[in-house]
Amino acid sequence: MTQSLRLRLLVGAVLAIAFILLLVASGLSRIFSNYVADRYRADMSAIIDQLAAGVEFSGGRARMTDEPGDPRFELPGSGLYWQVVGENDLRFRSRSLWDVELAADALQAGPYGFREGQGPDGALILVQLRDLVLETPEGNRPLTLLAGFDRKVMDDAISEYHGAMTIMLVLTAAVLLAAAFLQVGIGLAPLSRLQDGLALVRSGRTDQLPDAGPTELRPLVGELNGLLRERETAIERARARASDLAHGLKTPLTVLLQLADNLPDRERSMIRQQVDLIRQRADRQLQSARLGVEQMAQTGLASLTGKLVSVLAPVTAARGVTWQIGIDEGLTADMDPADLAEALGNVLDNATRYARTVISVSAERDGAFIRLDVEDDGPGVDDEDLVAIARRGVHLAEDEGTGLGLAISTDVLAAYGGRIMFGRSERGGLKVGLFLPARP
């Protein structure tokens, strides 16, 4: 079953319209066909009444004193016929029958209560038959009166009606389908507006959904606003706990550093390094806690990258390293600016340490993500080490770092559903690809 509410409604509307129009078509066809048959039946009865009034018996002989006046009775094969049959080979018939005699016992049962036979040209005719007895001075005289017409005439009339009715029903179906599409579009429009409102909340432009729209959706909007208020409360609590934890760690770490000043140089350096490691890990855990509740902001890549490069440029300028930036101003990542700055800053900082002459930063759309590539022309990393460099504590070279930078970037991107990839740049150094979540 399809998951599209719009498609479900449209399919239901199409099936309902088709079913109703089929019922209407069947009913109208039956009504019109019966109406046409009743008209012909009434016309044939009128002709038989005229025939019965026009037969006279005198001196034991029968004659037609008054024949139906329709001129079609005078034309052979005209499509309209009558015949009178009595005892002792009494026969009267219209000239339209020519030399064909309609035998009552040879007629078959036909549609709409008529009997069916063959006319003078071999075409099927529908016949209405009536048996009666005339009272005469010489006694009662039995007669069989017949009046008929070509079946094709009535079939053509019904067929023409069906053609006109089909056109009318097709136009009606088109109008009803257009109305159904319009109704579904208008009916689901509030859901689209609700989606737009949620997008504004997610982007951080507002913190509540507007309490407007159809009555049926207002309870849902109220529940969502309540959920957003609870989320805001959870954010404040998480920030308070993070702040408390940061302050709680600050004093013990300061005391440890003061105690380390009384130790020999080797032990003092080791303790300082471990204290720095604890601080960075604590910051990372605090950042992870914040990421769990705050992932609704958007960040322009070009602007943020420009700010980071402006901070690092003085460091690289002293070594003659240049920057090449290729980022479209319209690219926006669904990430908090501080989180993206931390993830990208670690990668750029790593590039500044190993680049010889140039660092390249470029970005482009890649499906539901934006791929941001940072390349340098430094010594690079061996292929067997590419998988390990994002692990905590792993160094690209002997330096004074803690080996947490790229691991922190990996954690930040993973918290937002993104990822990071490492490879060899065409410039010879390391190529780091950051896949940032982006709205379609």
Protein backbone atom coordinates (compact mmCIF):
# COMPACT_ATOMS: atom_id res chain seq x y z
CA MET A 1 0.00 0.00 0.00
CA THR A 2 1.35 3.40 -0.97
CA GLN A 3 2.54 5.67 1.84
CA SER A 4 1.40 8.83 0.03
CA LEU A 5 -1.72 10.35 1.60
CA ARG A 6 -2.26 12.49 -1.49
CA LEU A 7 -2.14 9.44 -3.77
CA ARG A 8 -4.50 7.50 -1.51
CA LEU A 9 -7.07 10.30 -1.59
CA LEU A 10 -6.79 10.69 -5.36
CA VAL A 11 -7.10 6.94 -5.97
CA GLY A 12 -10.15 6.84 -3.71
CA ALA A 13 -11.69 9.79 -5.56
CA VAL A 14 -11.02 8.21 -8.97
CA LEU A 15 -12.57 4.89 -7.90
CA ALA A 16 -15.61 6.62 -6.39
CA ILE A 17 -16.13 8.79 -9.49
CA ALA A 18 -15.75 5.81 -11.82
CA PHE A 19 -18.21 3.71 -9.79
CA ILE A 20 -20.81 6.47 -9.58
CA LEU A 21 -20.57 7.34 -13.28
CA LEU A 22 -20.91 3.68 -14.24
CA LEU A 23 -24.09 3.48 -12.16
CA VAL A 24 -25.36 6.70 -13.75
CA ALA A 25 -24.53 5.45 -17.25
CA SER A 26 -26.28 2.14 -16.63
CA GLY A 27 -29.36 3.83 -15.17
CA LEU A 28 -29.65 6.47 -17.91
CA SER A 29 -29.17 3.85 -20.63
CA ARG A 30 -31.94 1.70 -19.19
CA ILE A 31 -34.27 4.66 -18.70
CA PHE A 32 -33.77 5.97 -22.24
CA SER A 33 -34.03 2.54 -23.86
CA ASN A 34 -37.29 1.85 -22.04
CA TYR A 35 -38.56 5.31 -22.99
CA VAL A 36 -37.83 4.75 -26.68
CA ALA A 37 -39.41 1.28 -26.57
CA ASP A 38 -42.51 2.70 -24.86
CA ARG A 39 -42.84 5.35 -27.56
CA TYR A 40 -42.62 2.81 -30.35
CA ARG A 41 -44.99 0.52 -28.48
CA ALA A 42 -47.48 3.37 -28.18
CA ASP A 43 -47.13 4.20 -31.89
CA MET A 44 -47.69 0.58 -32.89
CA SER A 45 -50.74 0.37 -30.61
CA ALA A 46 -52.17 3.48 -32.25
CA ILE A 47 -51.69 1.93 -35.69
CA ILE A 48 -53.39 -1.29 -34.55
CA ASP A 49 -56.30 0.74 -33.16
CA GLN A 50 -56.69 2.41 -36.58
CA LEU A 51 -56.59 -0.97 -38.31
CA ALA A 52 -59.22 -2.39 -35.98
CA ALA A 53 -61.49 0.60 -36.66
CA GLY A 54 -61.00 0.37 -40.41
CA VAL A 55 -62.07 -3.27 -40.91
CA GLU A 56 -65.70 -3.83 -41.92
CA PHE A 57 -67.67 -6.95 -42.81
CA SER A 58 -70.57 -6.67 -45.24
CA GLY A 59 -72.36 -9.49 -47.02
CA GLY A 60 -69.89 -11.96 -45.55
CA ARG A 61 -66.96 -10.10 -47.10
CA ALA A 62 -64.34 -8.02 -45.33
CA ARG A 63 -62.86 -4.77 -46.52
CA MET A 64 -60.60 -1.95 -45.25
CA THR A 65 -62.55 1.25 -45.10
CA ASP A 66 -59.83 3.30 -43.42
CA GLU A 67 -56.10 2.60 -43.62
CA PRO A 68 -53.39 4.35 -41.56
CA GLY A 69 -52.45 7.55 -43.34
CA ASP A 70 -48.65 7.55 -42.83
CA PRO A 71 -47.10 7.81 -46.35
CA ARG A 72 -44.34 5.38 -45.35
CA PHE A 73 -46.91 2.56 -45.54
CA GLU A 74 -47.11 3.20 -49.30
CA LEU A 75 -43.34 2.81 -49.93
CA PRO A 76 -41.97 -0.74 -50.25
CA GLY A 77 -39.35 -1.43 -47.59
CA SER A 78 -39.88 1.97 -45.96
CA GLY A 79 -39.39 0.56 -42.46
CA LEU A 80 -43.00 0.90 -41.24
CA TYR A 81 -45.51 -1.92 -41.81
CA TRP A 82 -48.97 -3.22 -40.93
CA GLN A 83 -50.95 -6.39 -41.63
CA VAL A 84 -54.45 -7.78 -40.90
CA VAL A 85 -55.03 -11.55 -40.95
CA GLY A 86 -58.42 -13.25 -40.60
CA GLU A 87 -60.10 -16.58 -41.28
CA ASN A 88 -60.70 -17.95 -44.76
CA ASP A 89 -57.51 -16.46 -46.13
CA LEU A 90 -58.50 -12.95 -45.18
CA ARG A 91 -55.38 -10.84 -45.78
CA PHE A 92 -54.75 -7.08 -45.80
CA ARG A 93 -51.27 -5.51 -45.60
CA SER A 94 -49.48 -2.28 -46.29
CA ARG A 95 -47.72 -1.75 -49.62
CA SER A 96 -44.49 -1.30 -47.67
CA LEU A 97 -44.49 -5.07 -47.01
CA TRP A 98 -44.60 -5.64 -50.75
CA ASP A 99 -45.07 -9.41 -51.24
CA VAL A 100 -43.91 -10.45 -47.74
CA GLU A 101 -46.43 -11.89 -45.34
CA LEU A 102 -45.77 -11.80 -41.62
CA ALA A 103 -46.75 -15.16 -40.18
CA ALA A 104 -47.70 -14.68 -36.55
CA ASP A 105 -46.59 -18.17 -35.55
CA ALA A 106 -43.18 -17.64 -37.20
CA LEU A 107 -42.33 -14.53 -35.23
CA GLN A 108 -39.71 -14.91 -32.46
CA ALA A 109 -39.63 -13.22 -29.06
CA GLY A 110 -37.75 -9.92 -29.39
CA PRO A 111 -36.47 -7.19 -27.07
CA TYR A 112 -38.63 -4.78 -25.05
CA GLY A 113 -41.72 -7.01 -25.32
CA PHE A 114 -41.85 -6.97 -29.16
CA ARG A 115 -41.79 -9.94 -31.49
CA GLU A 116 -39.11 -10.18 -34.13
CA GLY A 117 -39.22 -11.21 -37.78
CA GLN A 118 -37.79 -10.34 -41.21
CA GLY A 119 -39.02 -7.51 -43.39
CA PRO A 120 -39.23 -7.30 -47.20
CA ASP A 121 -35.52 -6.47 -47.54
CA GLY A 122 -34.38 -9.15 -45.11
CA ALA A 123 -33.79 -6.67 -42.29
CA LEU A 124 -35.04 -7.46 -38.81
CA ILE A 125 -38.30 -5.83 -37.81
CA LEU A 126 -39.96 -5.53 -34.41
CA VAL A 127 -43.65 -6.36 -34.45
CA GLN A 128 -46.49 -5.70 -32.05
CA LEU A 129 -49.34 -8.18 -32.38
CA ARG A 130 -52.94 -8.09 -31.17
CA ASP A 131 -55.66 -10.73 -31.50
CA LEU A 132 -59.28 -9.55 -31.34
CA VAL A 133 -62.80 -10.62 -32.29
CA LEU A 134 -65.16 -8.34 -34.23
CA GLU A 135 -68.90 -8.71 -33.69
CA THR A 136 -70.75 -8.64 -37.04
CA PRO A 137 -74.36 -9.50 -38.11
CA GLU A 138 -73.02 -12.71 -39.57
CA GLY A 139 -71.30 -13.62 -36.27
CA ASN A 140 -68.00 -13.07 -34.53
CA ARG A 141 -64.93 -12.68 -36.71
CA PRO A 142 -61.43 -13.36 -35.25
CA LEU A 143 -58.66 -11.08 -36.52
CA THR A 144 -54.89 -10.78 -35.93
CA LEU A 145 -53.55 -7.26 -36.32
CA LEU A 146 -49.83 -6.57 -36.69
CA ALA A 147 -47.82 -3.34 -36.81
CA GLY A 148 -44.03 -3.25 -37.07
CA PHE A 149 -40.96 -1.18 -37.80
CA ASP A 150 -37.31 -1.77 -38.64
CA ARG A 151 -35.30 -2.66 -35.54
CA LYS A 152 -32.35 -0.67 -36.89
CA VAL A 153 -34.30 2.58 -36.43
CA MET A 154 -34.67 2.07 -32.68
CA ASP A 155 -31.12 0.67 -32.33
CA ASP A 156 -29.69 3.74 -34.09
CA ALA A 157 -31.64 6.09 -31.83
CA ILE A 158 -30.37 4.32 -28.70
CA SER A 159 -26.82 4.19 -30.09
CA GLU A 160 -26.81 7.94 -30.82
CA TYR A 161 -28.02 8.58 -27.29
CA HIS A 162 -25.28 6.37 -25.87
CA GLY A 163 -22.66 8.29 -27.87
CA ALA A 164 -23.90 11.66 -26.60
CA MET A 165 -24.21 10.28 -23.07
CA THR A 166 -20.64 8.92 -23.18
CA ILE A 167 -19.29 12.34 -24.18
CA MET A 168 -21.28 13.97 -21.41
CA LEU A 169 -20.07 11.48 -18.80
CA VAL A 170 -16.45 11.82 -19.92
CA LEU A 171 -16.69 15.60 -19.55
CA THR A 172 -18.37 15.13 -16.17
CA ALA A 173 -15.59 12.75 -15.09
CA ALA A 174 -12.96 15.30 -16.16
CA VAL A 175 -14.67 18.05 -14.16
CA LEU A 176 -15.07 15.80 -11.11
CA LEU A 177 -11.42 14.66 -11.31
CA ALA A 178 -10.26 18.25 -11.56
CA ALA A 179 -12.43 19.08 -8.56
CA ALA A 180 -10.96 16.07 -6.68
CA PHE A 181 -7.39 17.19 -7.44
CA LEU A 182 -8.26 20.71 -6.31
CA GLN A 183 -9.97 19.44 -3.18
CA VAL A 184 -7.03 17.21 -2.27
CA GLY A 185 -4.60 20.06 -2.91
CA ILE A 186 -6.60 22.48 -0.77
CA GLY A 187 -7.19 19.84 1.90
CA LEU A 188 -3.51 18.94 2.23
CA ALA A 189 -2.22 22.52 1.97
CA PRO A 190 -2.34 22.98 5.78
CA LEU A 191 0.01 19.98 6.11
CA SER A 192 2.46 21.66 3.74
CA ARG A 193 2.26 24.85 5.79
CA LEU A 194 2.83 22.77 8.93
CA GLN A 195 5.91 21.26 7.29
CA ASP A 196 7.19 24.74 6.42
CA GLY A 197 6.60 25.83 10.01
CA LEU A 198 8.57 22.85 11.31
CA ALA A 199 11.37 23.70 8.88
CA LEU A 200 11.52 27.21 10.37
CA VAL A 201 11.69 25.71 13.85
CA ARG A 202 14.40 23.31 12.75
CA SER A 203 16.44 26.11 11.21
CA GLY A 204 16.23 28.09 14.44
CA ARG A 205 14.24 31.01 12.98
CA THR A 206 11.37 30.44 15.38
CA ASP A 207 10.73 28.32 18.44
CA GLN A 208 6.97 27.66 18.10
CA LEU A 209 4.50 26.74 15.36
CA PRO A 210 1.76 29.27 14.58
CA ASP A 211 -1.52 28.32 16.27
CA ALA A 212 -3.60 28.78 13.12
CA GLY A 213 -5.11 26.66 10.40
CA PRO A 214 -7.92 24.09 10.26
CA THR A 215 -9.61 23.04 13.48
CA GLU A 216 -8.60 19.41 12.88
CA LEU A 217 -4.88 20.28 12.89
CA ARG A 218 -4.85 22.59 15.89
CA PRO A 219 -4.62 19.76 18.46
CA LEU A 220 -1.61 18.40 16.55
CA VAL A 221 -0.01 21.87 16.46
CA GLY A 222 -0.63 22.19 20.19
CA GLU A 223 1.04 18.84 20.88
CA LEU A 224 4.03 19.76 18.70
CA ASN A 225 4.41 23.12 20.44
CA GLY A 226 4.28 21.33 23.78
CA LEU A 227 6.99 18.96 22.56
CA LEU A 228 9.11 21.92 21.45
CA ARG A 229 8.70 23.57 24.85
CA GLU A 230 9.78 20.36 26.53
CA ARG A 231 12.76 20.18 24.20
CA GLU A 232 13.73 23.75 25.06
CA THR A 233 13.53 22.88 28.73
CA ALA A 234 15.74 19.82 28.12
CA ILE A 235 18.26 22.02 26.32
CA GLU A 236 18.42 24.44 29.20
CA ARG A 237 18.88 21.59 31.66
CA ALA A 238 21.61 20.04 29.52
CA ARG A 239 23.41 23.37 29.25
CA ALA A 240 23.14 23.86 33.01
CA ARG A 241 24.59 20.39 33.67
CA ALA A 242 27.38 21.02 31.17
CA SER A 243 28.21 24.31 32.81
CA ASP A 244 28.19 22.70 36.24
CA LEU A 245 30.46 19.91 35.03
CA ALA A 246 32.86 22.36 33.42
CA HIS A 247 33.09 24.41 36.61
CA GLY A 248 33.38 21.27 38.70
CA LEU A 249 36.39 20.04 36.71
CA LYS A 250 38.11 23.39 36.51
CA THR A 251 39.20 23.59 40.17
CA PRO A 252 40.62 20.02 40.49
CA LEU A 253 42.55 20.41 37.24
CA THR A 254 43.97 23.75 38.40
CA VAL A 255 45.09 22.16 41.64
CA LEU A 256 46.76 19.33 39.74
CA LEU A 257 48.67 21.83 37.60
CA GLN A 258 49.81 23.70 40.70
CA LEU A 259 50.98 20.48 42.30
CA ALA A 260 52.80 19.56 39.10
CA ASP A 261 54.97 22.68 39.40
CA ASN A 262 56.73 21.02 42.35
CA LEU A 263 57.64 17.91 40.36
CA PRO A 264 60.71 17.27 38.20
CA ASP A 265 60.56 18.47 34.59
CA ARG A 266 59.74 15.06 33.08
CA GLU A 267 56.87 14.32 35.50
CA ARG A 268 55.63 17.95 35.28
CA SER A 269 55.44 17.74 31.47
CA MET A 270 53.65 14.39 31.60
CA ILE A 271 51.05 15.64 34.11
CA ARG A 272 50.43 18.83 32.09
CA GLN A 273 49.90 16.72 28.98
CA GLN A 274 47.46 14.44 30.78
CA VAL A 275 45.58 17.43 32.25
CA ASP A 276 45.26 18.91 28.75
CA LEU A 277 44.00 15.55 27.53
CA ILE A 278 41.39 15.46 30.31
CA ARG A 279 40.26 18.98 29.44
CA GLN A 280 39.87 18.14 25.75
CA ARG A 281 37.99 14.93 26.49
CA ALA A 282 35.71 16.72 28.92
CA ASP A 283 35.04 19.41 26.32
CA ARG A 284 34.29 16.71 23.78
CA GLN A 285 31.80 14.99 26.06
CA LEU A 286 30.15 18.30 26.89
CA GLN A 287 29.96 19.06 23.18
CA SER A 288 28.43 15.64 22.48
CA ALA A 289 25.78 16.25 25.14
CA ARG A 290 24.91 19.57 23.51
CA LEU A 291 24.78 17.99 20.07
CA GLY A 292 22.17 15.54 21.28
CA VAL A 293 19.66 18.33 21.89
CA GLU A 294 20.68 21.14 19.56
CA GLN A 295 20.86 20.28 15.88
CA MET A 296 18.45 22.68 14.23
CA ALA A 297 20.62 25.56 13.03
CA GLN A 298 21.94 26.17 9.54
CA THR A 299 25.35 27.49 8.63
CA GLY A 300 26.59 29.13 5.44
CA LEU A 301 29.74 27.29 4.39
CA ALA A 302 31.39 30.12 2.48
CA SER A 303 31.03 32.58 5.36
CA LEU A 304 32.23 30.17 8.06
CA THR A 305 35.17 28.92 5.98
CA GLY A 306 36.21 32.50 5.29
CA LYS A 307 36.28 33.28 9.01
CA LEU A 308 38.35 30.19 9.83
CA VAL A 309 40.81 30.87 6.99
CA SER A 310 41.22 34.49 8.12
CA VAL A 311 42.31 33.19 11.53
CA LEU A 312 44.76 30.61 10.10
CA ALA A 313 46.08 32.70 7.21
CA PRO A 314 48.71 34.60 9.29
CA VAL A 315 50.20 31.25 10.37
CA THR A 316 50.49 29.94 6.82
CA ALA A 317 51.57 33.27 5.31
CA ALA A 318 54.82 33.16 7.27
CA ARG A 319 55.65 29.86 5.50
CA GLY A 320 54.49 31.01 2.07
CA VAL A 321 51.42 28.74 2.01
CA THR A 322 48.48 30.09 -0.03
CA TRP A 323 44.77 29.30 0.22
CA GLN A 324 42.45 28.35 -2.67
CA ILE A 325 38.77 28.60 -1.71
CA GLY A 326 36.00 27.40 -4.04
CA ILE A 327 32.66 27.40 -2.17
CA ASP A 328 29.34 28.60 -3.55
CA GLU A 329 27.72 31.30 -1.41
CA GLY A 330 24.40 29.43 -1.52
CA LEU A 331 25.64 26.21 0.12
CA THR A 332 24.21 25.81 3.61
CA ALA A 333 24.80 22.93 6.01
CA ASP A 334 22.22 21.78 8.56
CA MET A 335 24.64 22.15 11.47
CA ASP A 336 25.17 24.48 14.38
CA PRO A 337 27.86 27.06 13.48
CA ALA A 338 29.97 26.25 16.56
CA ASP A 339 29.90 22.51 15.84
CA LEU A 340 30.78 22.96 12.17
CA ALA A 341 33.52 25.42 13.09
CA GLU A 342 35.03 22.85 15.45
CA ALA A 343 34.86 20.00 12.93
CA LEU A 344 36.19 22.04 10.00
CA GLY A 345 38.67 23.98 12.14
CA ASN A 346 40.42 20.78 13.24
CA VAL A 347 40.78 19.66 9.62
CA LEU A 348 42.06 23.07 8.47
CA ASP A 349 44.46 23.24 11.41
CA ASN A 350 45.83 19.86 10.44
CA ALA A 351 46.32 21.06 6.85
CA THR A 352 48.19 24.20 7.97
CA ARG A 353 50.72 22.07 9.86
CA TYR A 354 51.63 19.86 6.92
CA ALA A 355 51.00 21.93 3.76
CA ARG A 356 54.10 23.06 1.88
CA THR A 357 52.77 25.67 -0.58
CA VAL A 358 48.97 25.46 -0.97
CA ILE A 359 45.77 24.44 0.82
CA SER A 360 42.61 23.95 -1.25
CA VAL A 361 39.05 24.06 0.14
CA SER A 362 36.09 23.28 -2.16
CA ALA A 363 32.46 22.19 -1.71
CA GLU A 364 29.66 20.81 -3.87
CA ARG A 365 26.28 19.11 -3.49
CA ASP A 366 26.35 15.32 -3.18
CA GLY A 367 22.78 14.04 -2.85
CA ALA A 368 21.46 14.79 0.63
CA PHE A 369 24.90 16.04 1.71
CA ILE A 370 27.39 18.74 0.89
CA ARG A 371 30.87 17.37 0.32
CA LEU A 372 33.54 19.75 1.55
CA ASP A 373 37.10 18.75 0.52
CA VAL A 374 40.26 20.05 2.19
CA GLU A 375 43.50 19.20 0.33
CA ASP A 376 47.13 20.07 0.90
CA ASP A 377 50.43 19.35 -0.81
CA GLY A 378 52.15 18.04 2.30
CA PRO A 379 53.77 14.62 2.78
CA GLY A 380 50.41 12.89 2.93
CA VAL A 381 49.61 9.59 4.67
CA ASP A 382 50.38 6.05 3.64
CA ASP A 383 47.39 4.11 2.37
CA GLU A 384 47.52 1.64 5.25
CA ASP A 385 47.33 4.52 7.74
CA LEU A 386 44.32 6.31 6.22
CA VAL A 387 41.80 4.28 8.25
CA ALA A 388 43.62 4.83 11.56
CA ILE A 389 44.21 8.57 11.48
CA ALA A 390 40.74 9.46 12.76
CA ARG A 391 41.18 7.37 15.91
CA ARG A 392 41.78 9.11 19.19
CA GLY A 393 45.40 9.60 20.08
CA VAL A 394 46.74 8.70 16.62
CA HIS A 395 49.28 11.22 15.27
CA LEU A 396 50.09 11.92 11.64
CA ALA A 397 53.66 12.71 12.67
CA GLU A 398 55.74 13.29 15.75
CA ASP A 399 54.41 16.53 17.24
CA GLU A 400 53.07 17.96 20.44
CA GLY A 401 49.39 17.32 19.68
CA THR A 402 47.11 14.93 21.49
CA GLY A 403 45.81 13.18 18.39
CA LEU A 404 42.19 14.22 19.16
CA GLY A 405 41.56 16.79 16.40
CA LEU A 406 40.39 14.55 13.58
CA ALA A 407 38.66 12.20 16.02
CA ILE A 408 36.66 15.15 17.38
CA SER A 409 35.72 16.17 13.81
CA THR A 410 34.57 12.61 13.14
CA ASP A 411 32.41 12.61 16.30
CA VAL A 412 30.82 15.96 15.46
CA LEU A 413 29.87 14.90 11.94
CA ALA A 414 28.59 11.52 13.16
CA ALA A 415 26.32 13.30 15.67
CA TYR A 416 24.67 15.13 12.75
CA GLY A 417 24.43 12.06 10.53
CA GLY A 418 27.44 13.05 8.41
CA ARG A 419 30.80 11.36 7.94
CA ILE A 420 34.42 12.04 7.14
CA MET A 421 36.65 10.33 4.55
CA PHE A 422 40.41 10.38 4.05
CA GLY A 423 42.35 9.88 0.86
CA ARG A 424 45.37 11.01 -1.13
CA SER A 425 45.18 14.39 -2.82
CA GLU A 426 46.27 14.93 -6.42
CA ARG A 427 48.60 17.55 -4.95
CA GLY A 428 50.41 14.76 -3.13
CA GLY A 429 49.21 15.44 0.40
CA LEU A 430 46.15 14.45 2.41
CA LYS A 431 42.61 14.90 1.14
CA VAL A 432 39.89 15.09 3.80
CA GLY A 433 36.26 14.90 2.64
CA LEU A 434 33.60 16.14 5.08
CA PHE A 435 30.05 15.06 4.24
CA LEU A 436 27.79 17.67 5.82
CA PRO A 437 23.98 17.19 6.11
CA ALA A 438 22.07 19.63 3.93
CA ARG A 439 18.42 20.31 3.26
CA PRO A 440 17.24 19.46 -0.30
